[in-house]
PDB file of all heavy atoms in Angstrom:
ATOM      1  N   ALA A   1      16.862 -17.761 -30.968  1.00  0.00           N
ATOM      2  CA  ALA A   1      17.516 -19.020 -31.336  1.00  0.00           C
ATOM      3  C   ALA A   1      16.999 -19.533 -32.671  1.00  0.00           C
ATOM      4  O   ALA A   1      17.770 -20.015 -33.510  1.00  0.00           O
ATOM      5  CB  ALA A   1      17.295 -20.065 -30.242  1.00  0.00           C
ATOM      6  N   ARG A   2      15.680 -19.425 -32.880  1.00  0.00           N
ATOM      7  CA  ARG A   2      15.111 -19.917 -34.141  1.00  0.00           C
ATOM      8  C   ARG A   2      15.596 -19.093 -35.326  1.00  0.00           C
ATOM      9  O   ARG A   2      15.849 -19.624 -36.406  1.00  0.00           O
ATOM     10  CB  ARG A   2      13.586 -19.880 -34.073  1.00  0.00           C
ATOM     11  CG  ARG A   2      12.991 -20.956 -33.177  1.00  0.00           C
ATOM     12  CD  ARG A   2      11.510 -21.112 -33.426  1.00  0.00           C
ATOM     13  NE  ARG A   2      11.228 -21.475 -34.818  1.00  0.00           N
ATOM     14  CZ  ARG A   2      10.002 -21.745 -35.278  1.00  0.00           C
ATOM     15  NH1 ARG A   2       8.955 -21.686 -34.458  1.00  0.00           N
ATOM     16  NH2 ARG A   2       9.820 -22.058 -36.538  1.00  0.00           N
ATOM     17  N   SER A   3      15.729 -17.800 -35.150  1.00  0.00           N
ATOM     18  CA  SER A   3      16.185 -16.926 -36.243  1.00  0.00           C
ATOM     19  C   SER A   3      17.702 -16.820 -36.310  1.00  0.00           C
ATOM     20  O   SER A   3      18.234 -16.097 -37.159  1.00  0.00           O
ATOM     21  CB  SER A   3      15.580 -15.536 -36.071  1.00  0.00           C
ATOM     22  OG  SER A   3      16.007 -14.961 -34.842  1.00  0.00           O
ATOM     23  N   GLU A   4      18.405 -17.516 -35.405  1.00  0.00           N
ATOM     24  CA  GLU A   4      19.869 -17.487 -35.329  1.00  0.00           C
ATOM     25  C   GLU A   4      20.400 -16.061 -35.186  1.00  0.00           C
ATOM     26  O   GLU A   4      21.400 -15.680 -35.803  1.00  0.00           O
ATOM     27  CB  GLU A   4      20.492 -18.177 -36.547  1.00  0.00           C
ATOM     28  CG  GLU A   4      20.163 -19.660 -36.634  1.00  0.00           C
ATOM     29  CD  GLU A   4      20.969 -20.380 -37.702  1.00  0.00           C
ATOM     30  OE1 GLU A   4      21.778 -19.717 -38.369  1.00  0.00           O
ATOM     31  OE2 GLU A   4      20.780 -21.600 -37.856  1.00  0.00           O
ATOM     32  N   ASP A   5      19.695 -15.296 -34.384  1.00  0.00           N
ATOM     33  CA  ASP A   5      20.147 -13.942 -34.061  1.00  0.00           C
ATOM     34  C   ASP A   5      21.083 -14.062 -32.850  1.00  0.00           C
ATOM     35  O   ASP A   5      20.676 -13.852 -31.696  1.00  0.00           O
ATOM     36  CB  ASP A   5      18.950 -13.045 -33.756  1.00  0.00           C
ATOM     37  CG  ASP A   5      19.334 -11.573 -33.674  1.00  0.00           C
ATOM     38  OD1 ASP A   5      20.544 -11.295 -33.521  1.00  0.00           O
ATOM     39  OD2 ASP A   5      18.436 -10.711 -33.732  1.00  0.00           O
ATOM     40  N   HIS A   6      22.323 -14.390 -33.121  1.00  0.00           N
ATOM     41  CA  HIS A   6      23.266 -14.681 -32.044  1.00  0.00           C
ATOM     42  C   HIS A   6      23.566 -13.450 -31.188  1.00  0.00           C
ATOM     43  O   HIS A   6      23.758 -13.574 -29.967  1.00  0.00           O
ATOM     44  CB  HIS A   6      24.564 -15.241 -32.636  1.00  0.00           C
ATOM     45  CG  HIS A   6      24.338 -16.397 -33.567  1.00  0.00           C
ATOM     46  ND1 HIS A   6      23.564 -17.474 -33.232  1.00  0.00           N
ATOM     47  CD2 HIS A   6      24.779 -16.625 -34.834  1.00  0.00           C
ATOM     48  CE1 HIS A   6      23.547 -18.340 -34.237  1.00  0.00           C
ATOM     49  NE2 HIS A   6      24.267 -17.836 -35.219  1.00  0.00           N
ATOM     50  N   LYS A   7      23.579 -12.314 -31.812  1.00  0.00           N
ATOM     51  CA  LYS A   7      23.873 -11.099 -31.058  1.00  0.00           C
ATOM     52  C   LYS A   7      22.795 -10.838 -30.015  1.00  0.00           C
ATOM     53  O   LYS A   7      23.087 -10.526 -28.856  1.00  0.00           O
ATOM     54  CB  LYS A   7      23.996  -9.917 -32.024  1.00  0.00           C
ATOM     55  CG  LYS A   7      24.391  -8.618 -31.340  1.00  0.00           C
ATOM     56  CD  LYS A   7      24.570  -7.495 -32.360  1.00  0.00           C
ATOM     57  CE  LYS A   7      24.965  -6.197 -31.656  1.00  0.00           C
ATOM     58  NZ  LYS A   7      25.144  -5.078 -32.638  1.00  0.00           N
ATOM     59  N   LYS A   8      21.525 -10.970 -30.428  1.00  0.00           N
ATOM     60  CA  LYS A   8      20.424 -10.756 -29.493  1.00  0.00           C
ATOM     61  C   LYS A   8      20.409 -11.824 -28.395  1.00  0.00           C
ATOM     62  O   LYS A   8      20.105 -11.541 -27.234  1.00  0.00           O
ATOM     63  CB  LYS A   8      19.096 -10.777 -30.250  1.00  0.00           C
ATOM     64  CG  LYS A   8      18.774  -9.493 -30.974  1.00  0.00           C
ATOM     65  CD  LYS A   8      18.456  -8.369 -29.978  1.00  0.00           C
ATOM     66  CE  LYS A   8      18.002  -7.109 -30.695  1.00  0.00           C
ATOM     67  NZ  LYS A   8      17.707  -6.013 -29.741  1.00  0.00           N
ATOM     68  N   SER A   9      20.754 -13.048 -28.767  1.00  0.00           N
ATOM     69  CA  SER A   9      20.792 -14.120 -27.761  1.00  0.00           C
ATOM     70  C   SER A   9      21.790 -13.796 -26.669  1.00  0.00           C
ATOM     71  O   SER A   9      21.525 -14.020 -25.473  1.00  0.00           O
ATOM     72  CB  SER A   9      21.152 -15.447 -28.432  1.00  0.00           C
ATOM     73  OG  SER A   9      20.148 -15.846 -29.329  1.00  0.00           O
ATOM     74  N   GLU A  10      22.934 -13.252 -27.058  1.00  0.00           N
ATOM     75  CA  GLU A  10      23.941 -12.901 -26.058  1.00  0.00           C
ATOM     76  C   GLU A  10      23.497 -11.685 -25.241  1.00  0.00           C
ATOM     77  O   GLU A  10      23.769 -11.609 -24.035  1.00  0.00           O
ATOM     78  CB  GLU A  10      25.276 -12.630 -26.741  1.00  0.00           C
ATOM     79  CG  GLU A  10      25.910 -13.881 -27.341  1.00  0.00           C
ATOM     80  CD  GLU A  10      27.317 -13.645 -27.830  1.00  0.00           C
ATOM     81  OE1 GLU A  10      27.472 -13.075 -28.926  1.00  0.00           O
ATOM     82  OE2 GLU A  10      28.257 -14.022 -27.101  1.00  0.00           O
ATOM     83  N   GLU A  11      22.805 -10.749 -25.885  1.00  0.00           N
ATOM     84  CA  GLU A  11      22.326  -9.579 -25.151  1.00  0.00           C
ATOM     85  C   GLU A  11      21.314  -9.978 -24.079  1.00  0.00           C
ATOM     86  O   GLU A  11      21.252  -9.350 -23.012  1.00  0.00           O
ATOM     87  CB  GLU A  11      21.698  -8.577 -26.124  1.00  0.00           C
ATOM     88  CG  GLU A  11      22.715  -7.858 -27.003  1.00  0.00           C
ATOM     89  CD  GLU A  11      22.041  -6.908 -27.976  1.00  0.00           C
ATOM     90  OE1 GLU A  11      20.777  -6.817 -27.939  1.00  0.00           O
ATOM     91  OE2 GLU A  11      22.744  -6.265 -28.765  1.00  0.00           O
ATOM     92  N   TYR A  12      20.534 -11.013 -24.353  1.00  0.00           N
ATOM     93  CA  TYR A  12      19.536 -11.472 -23.394  1.00  0.00           C
ATOM     94  C   TYR A  12      20.094 -12.565 -22.478  1.00  0.00           C
ATOM     95  O   TYR A  12      19.344 -13.320 -21.891  1.00  0.00           O
ATOM     96  CB  TYR A  12      18.286 -11.964 -24.124  1.00  0.00           C
ATOM     97  CG  TYR A  12      17.341 -10.846 -24.524  1.00  0.00           C
ATOM     98  CD1 TYR A  12      17.673  -9.958 -25.546  1.00  0.00           C
ATOM     99  CD2 TYR A  12      16.133 -10.672 -23.868  1.00  0.00           C
ATOM    100  CE1 TYR A  12      16.819  -8.930 -25.919  1.00  0.00           C
ATOM    101  CE2 TYR A  12      15.265  -9.647 -24.229  1.00  0.00           C
ATOM    102  CZ  TYR A  12      15.616  -8.777 -25.255  1.00  0.00           C
ATOM    103  OH  TYR A  12      14.761  -7.750 -25.603  1.00  0.00           O
ATOM    104  N   ALA A  13      21.423 -12.620 -22.372  1.00  0.00           N
ATOM    105  CA  ALA A  13      22.128 -13.460 -21.380  1.00  0.00           C
ATOM    106  C   ALA A  13      21.814 -14.943 -21.521  1.00  0.00           C
ATOM    107  O   ALA A  13      21.531 -15.639 -20.538  1.00  0.00           O
ATOM    108  CB  ALA A  13      21.811 -12.981 -19.964  1.00  0.00           C
ATOM    109  N   LEU A  14      21.884 -15.442 -22.742  1.00  0.00           N
ATOM    110  CA  LEU A  14      21.666 -16.873 -22.941  1.00  0.00           C
ATOM    111  C   LEU A  14      22.707 -17.699 -22.191  1.00  0.00           C
ATOM    112  O   LEU A  14      22.417 -18.811 -21.722  1.00  0.00           O
ATOM    113  CB  LEU A  14      21.719 -17.208 -24.439  1.00  0.00           C
ATOM    114  CG  LEU A  14      21.607 -18.680 -24.803  1.00  0.00           C
ATOM    115  CD1 LEU A  14      20.263 -19.258 -24.385  1.00  0.00           C
ATOM    116  CD2 LEU A  14      21.840 -18.894 -26.302  1.00  0.00           C
ATOM    117  N   LYS A  15      23.909 -17.147 -22.041  1.00  0.00           N
ATOM    118  CA  LYS A  15      24.988 -17.897 -21.371  1.00  0.00           C
ATOM    119  C   LYS A  15      24.677 -18.171 -19.906  1.00  0.00           C
ATOM    120  O   LYS A  15      25.262 -19.067 -19.291  1.00  0.00           O
ATOM    121  CB  LYS A  15      26.314 -17.142 -21.488  1.00  0.00           C
ATOM    122  CG  LYS A  15      26.348 -15.807 -20.780  1.00  0.00           C
ATOM    123  CD  LYS A  15      27.715 -15.168 -20.918  1.00  0.00           C
ATOM    124  CE  LYS A  15      27.768 -13.806 -20.218  1.00  0.00           C
ATOM    125  NZ  LYS A  15      26.809 -12.838 -20.775  1.00  0.00           N
ATOM    126  N   ASP A  16      23.740 -17.410 -19.306  1.00  0.00           N
ATOM    127  CA  ASP A  16      23.382 -17.629 -17.904  1.00  0.00           C
ATOM    128  C   ASP A  16      22.386 -18.773 -17.731  1.00  0.00           C
ATOM    129  O   ASP A  16      22.098 -19.166 -16.593  1.00  0.00           O
ATOM    130  CB  ASP A  16      22.785 -16.350 -17.305  1.00  0.00           C
ATOM    131  CG  ASP A  16      23.827 -15.260 -17.126  1.00  0.00           C
ATOM    132  OD1 ASP A  16      25.025 -15.606 -17.061  1.00  0.00           O
ATOM    133  OD2 ASP A  16      23.462 -14.073 -17.062  1.00  0.00           O
ATOM    134  N   CYS A  17      21.858 -19.280 -18.821  1.00  0.00           N
ATOM    135  CA  CYS A  17      20.906 -20.392 -18.732  1.00  0.00           C
ATOM    136  C   CYS A  17      21.616 -21.626 -18.183  1.00  0.00           C
ATOM    137  O   CYS A  17      22.665 -22.037 -18.697  1.00  0.00           O
ATOM    138  CB  CYS A  17      20.315 -20.695 -20.106  1.00  0.00           C
ATOM    139  SG  CYS A  17      19.245 -22.143 -20.142  1.00  0.00           S
ATOM    140  N   ILE A  18      21.045 -22.236 -17.132  1.00  0.00           N
ATOM    141  CA  ILE A  18      21.660 -23.418 -16.506  1.00  0.00           C
ATOM    142  C   ILE A  18      21.098 -24.719 -17.090  1.00  0.00           C
ATOM    143  O   ILE A  18      21.432 -25.799 -16.611  1.00  0.00           O
ATOM    144  CB  ILE A  18      21.465 -23.389 -14.981  1.00  0.00           C
ATOM    145  CG1 ILE A  18      19.982 -23.393 -14.631  1.00  0.00           C
ATOM    146  CG2 ILE A  18      22.187 -22.192 -14.378  1.00  0.00           C
ATOM    147  CD1 ILE A  18      19.696 -23.478 -13.136  1.00  0.00           C
ATOM    148  N   GLU A  19      20.227 -24.595 -18.090  1.00  0.00           N
ATOM    149  CA  GLU A  19      19.650 -25.754 -18.783  1.00  0.00           C
ATOM    150  C   GLU A  19      18.946 -26.701 -17.809  1.00  0.00           C
ATOM    151  O   GLU A  19      19.050 -27.925 -17.905  1.00  0.00           O
ATOM    152  CB  GLU A  19      20.729 -26.499 -19.578  1.00  0.00           C
ATOM    153  CG  GLU A  19      21.415 -25.634 -20.617  1.00  0.00           C
ATOM    154  CD  GLU A  19      22.499 -26.377 -21.374  1.00  0.00           C
ATOM    155  OE1 GLU A  19      22.492 -27.622 -21.342  1.00  0.00           O
ATOM    156  OE2 GLU A  19      23.351 -25.720 -22.007  1.00  0.00           O
ATOM    157  N   CYS A  20      18.216 -26.119 -16.866  1.00  0.00           N
ATOM    158  CA  CYS A  20      17.512 -26.933 -15.870  1.00  0.00           C
ATOM    159  C   CYS A  20      16.269 -27.588 -16.435  1.00  0.00           C
ATOM    160  O   CYS A  20      15.757 -28.561 -15.871  1.00  0.00           O
ATOM    161  CB  CYS A  20      17.150 -26.074 -14.660  1.00  0.00           C
ATOM    162  SG  CYS A  20      16.026 -24.700 -15.044  1.00  0.00           S
ATOM    163  N   GLY A  21      15.735 -27.061 -17.546  1.00  0.00           N
ATOM    164  CA  GLY A  21      14.566 -27.659 -18.171  1.00  0.00           C
ATOM    165  C   GLY A  21      13.240 -27.217 -17.601  1.00  0.00           C
ATOM    166  O   GLY A  21      12.185 -27.728 -18.007  1.00  0.00           O
ATOM    167  N   VAL A  22      13.238 -26.269 -16.674  1.00  0.00           N
ATOM    168  CA  VAL A  22      11.988 -25.817 -16.068  1.00  0.00           C
ATOM    169  C   VAL A  22      11.079 -25.174 -17.107  1.00  0.00           C
ATOM    170  O   VAL A  22       9.858 -25.394 -17.123  1.00  0.00           O
ATOM    171  CB  VAL A  22      12.280 -24.846 -14.910  1.00  0.00           C
ATOM    172  CG1 VAL A  22      10.997 -24.157 -14.431  1.00  0.00           C
ATOM    173  CG2 VAL A  22      12.937 -25.579 -13.761  1.00  0.00           C
ATOM    174  N   CYS A  23      11.640 -24.369 -17.995  1.00  0.00           N
ATOM    175  CA  CYS A  23      10.835 -23.660 -18.992  1.00  0.00           C
ATOM    176  C   CYS A  23      10.093 -24.640 -19.899  1.00  0.00           C
ATOM    177  O   CYS A  23       8.904 -24.461 -20.200  1.00  0.00           O
ATOM    178  CB  CYS A  23      11.702 -22.708 -19.803  1.00  0.00           C
ATOM    179  SG  CYS A  23      13.137 -23.510 -20.568  1.00  0.00           S
ATOM    180  N   ALA A  24      10.783 -25.670 -20.345  1.00  0.00           N
ATOM    181  CA  ALA A  24      10.133 -26.671 -21.197  1.00  0.00           C
ATOM    182  C   ALA A  24       9.104 -27.478 -20.415  1.00  0.00           C
ATOM    183  O   ALA A  24       8.083 -27.909 -20.969  1.00  0.00           O
ATOM    184  CB  ALA A  24      11.184 -27.596 -21.798  1.00  0.00           C
ATOM    185  N   TYR A  25       9.344 -27.658 -19.122  1.00  0.00           N
ATOM    186  CA  TYR A  25       8.437 -28.447 -18.283  1.00  0.00           C
ATOM    187  C   TYR A  25       7.071 -27.763 -18.137  1.00  0.00           C
ATOM    188  O   TYR A  25       6.022 -28.417 -18.114  1.00  0.00           O
ATOM    189  CB  TYR A  25       9.083 -28.660 -16.919  1.00  0.00           C
ATOM    190  CG  TYR A  25       8.300 -29.540 -15.983  1.00  0.00           C
ATOM    191  CD1 TYR A  25       8.413 -30.920 -16.032  1.00  0.00           C
ATOM    192  CD2 TYR A  25       7.442 -28.973 -15.029  1.00  0.00           C
ATOM    193  CE1 TYR A  25       7.697 -31.727 -15.159  1.00  0.00           C
ATOM    194  CE2 TYR A  25       6.725 -29.768 -14.150  1.00  0.00           C
ATOM    195  CZ  TYR A  25       6.859 -31.149 -14.218  1.00  0.00           C
ATOM    196  OH  TYR A  25       6.140 -31.950 -13.356  1.00  0.00           O
ATOM    197  N   VAL A  26       7.089 -26.429 -18.052  1.00  0.00           N
ATOM    198  CA  VAL A  26       5.839 -25.695 -17.812  1.00  0.00           C
ATOM    199  C   VAL A  26       5.206 -25.157 -19.088  1.00  0.00           C
ATOM    200  O   VAL A  26       4.105 -24.587 -19.030  1.00  0.00           O
ATOM    201  CB  VAL A  26       6.095 -24.524 -16.841  1.00  0.00           C
ATOM    202  CG1 VAL A  26       6.632 -25.036 -15.515  1.00  0.00           C
ATOM    203  CG2 VAL A  26       7.046 -23.492 -17.445  1.00  0.00           C
ATOM    204  N   CYS A  27       5.866 -25.316 -20.238  1.00  0.00           N
ATOM    205  CA  CYS A  27       5.356 -24.725 -21.480  1.00  0.00           C
ATOM    206  C   CYS A  27       4.071 -25.428 -21.919  1.00  0.00           C
ATOM    207  O   CYS A  27       4.082 -26.634 -22.184  1.00  0.00           O
ATOM    208  CB  CYS A  27       6.403 -24.812 -22.573  1.00  0.00           C
ATOM    209  SG  CYS A  27       5.839 -24.120 -24.149  1.00  0.00           S
TER     210      CYS A  27
END
């Protein structure tokens, strides 16, 4: 996301993210 590598973001299934915020909560 930071490098705006959109192709890689889609390959790693960014669209499946439900934006629950758990990752930011535990970081």
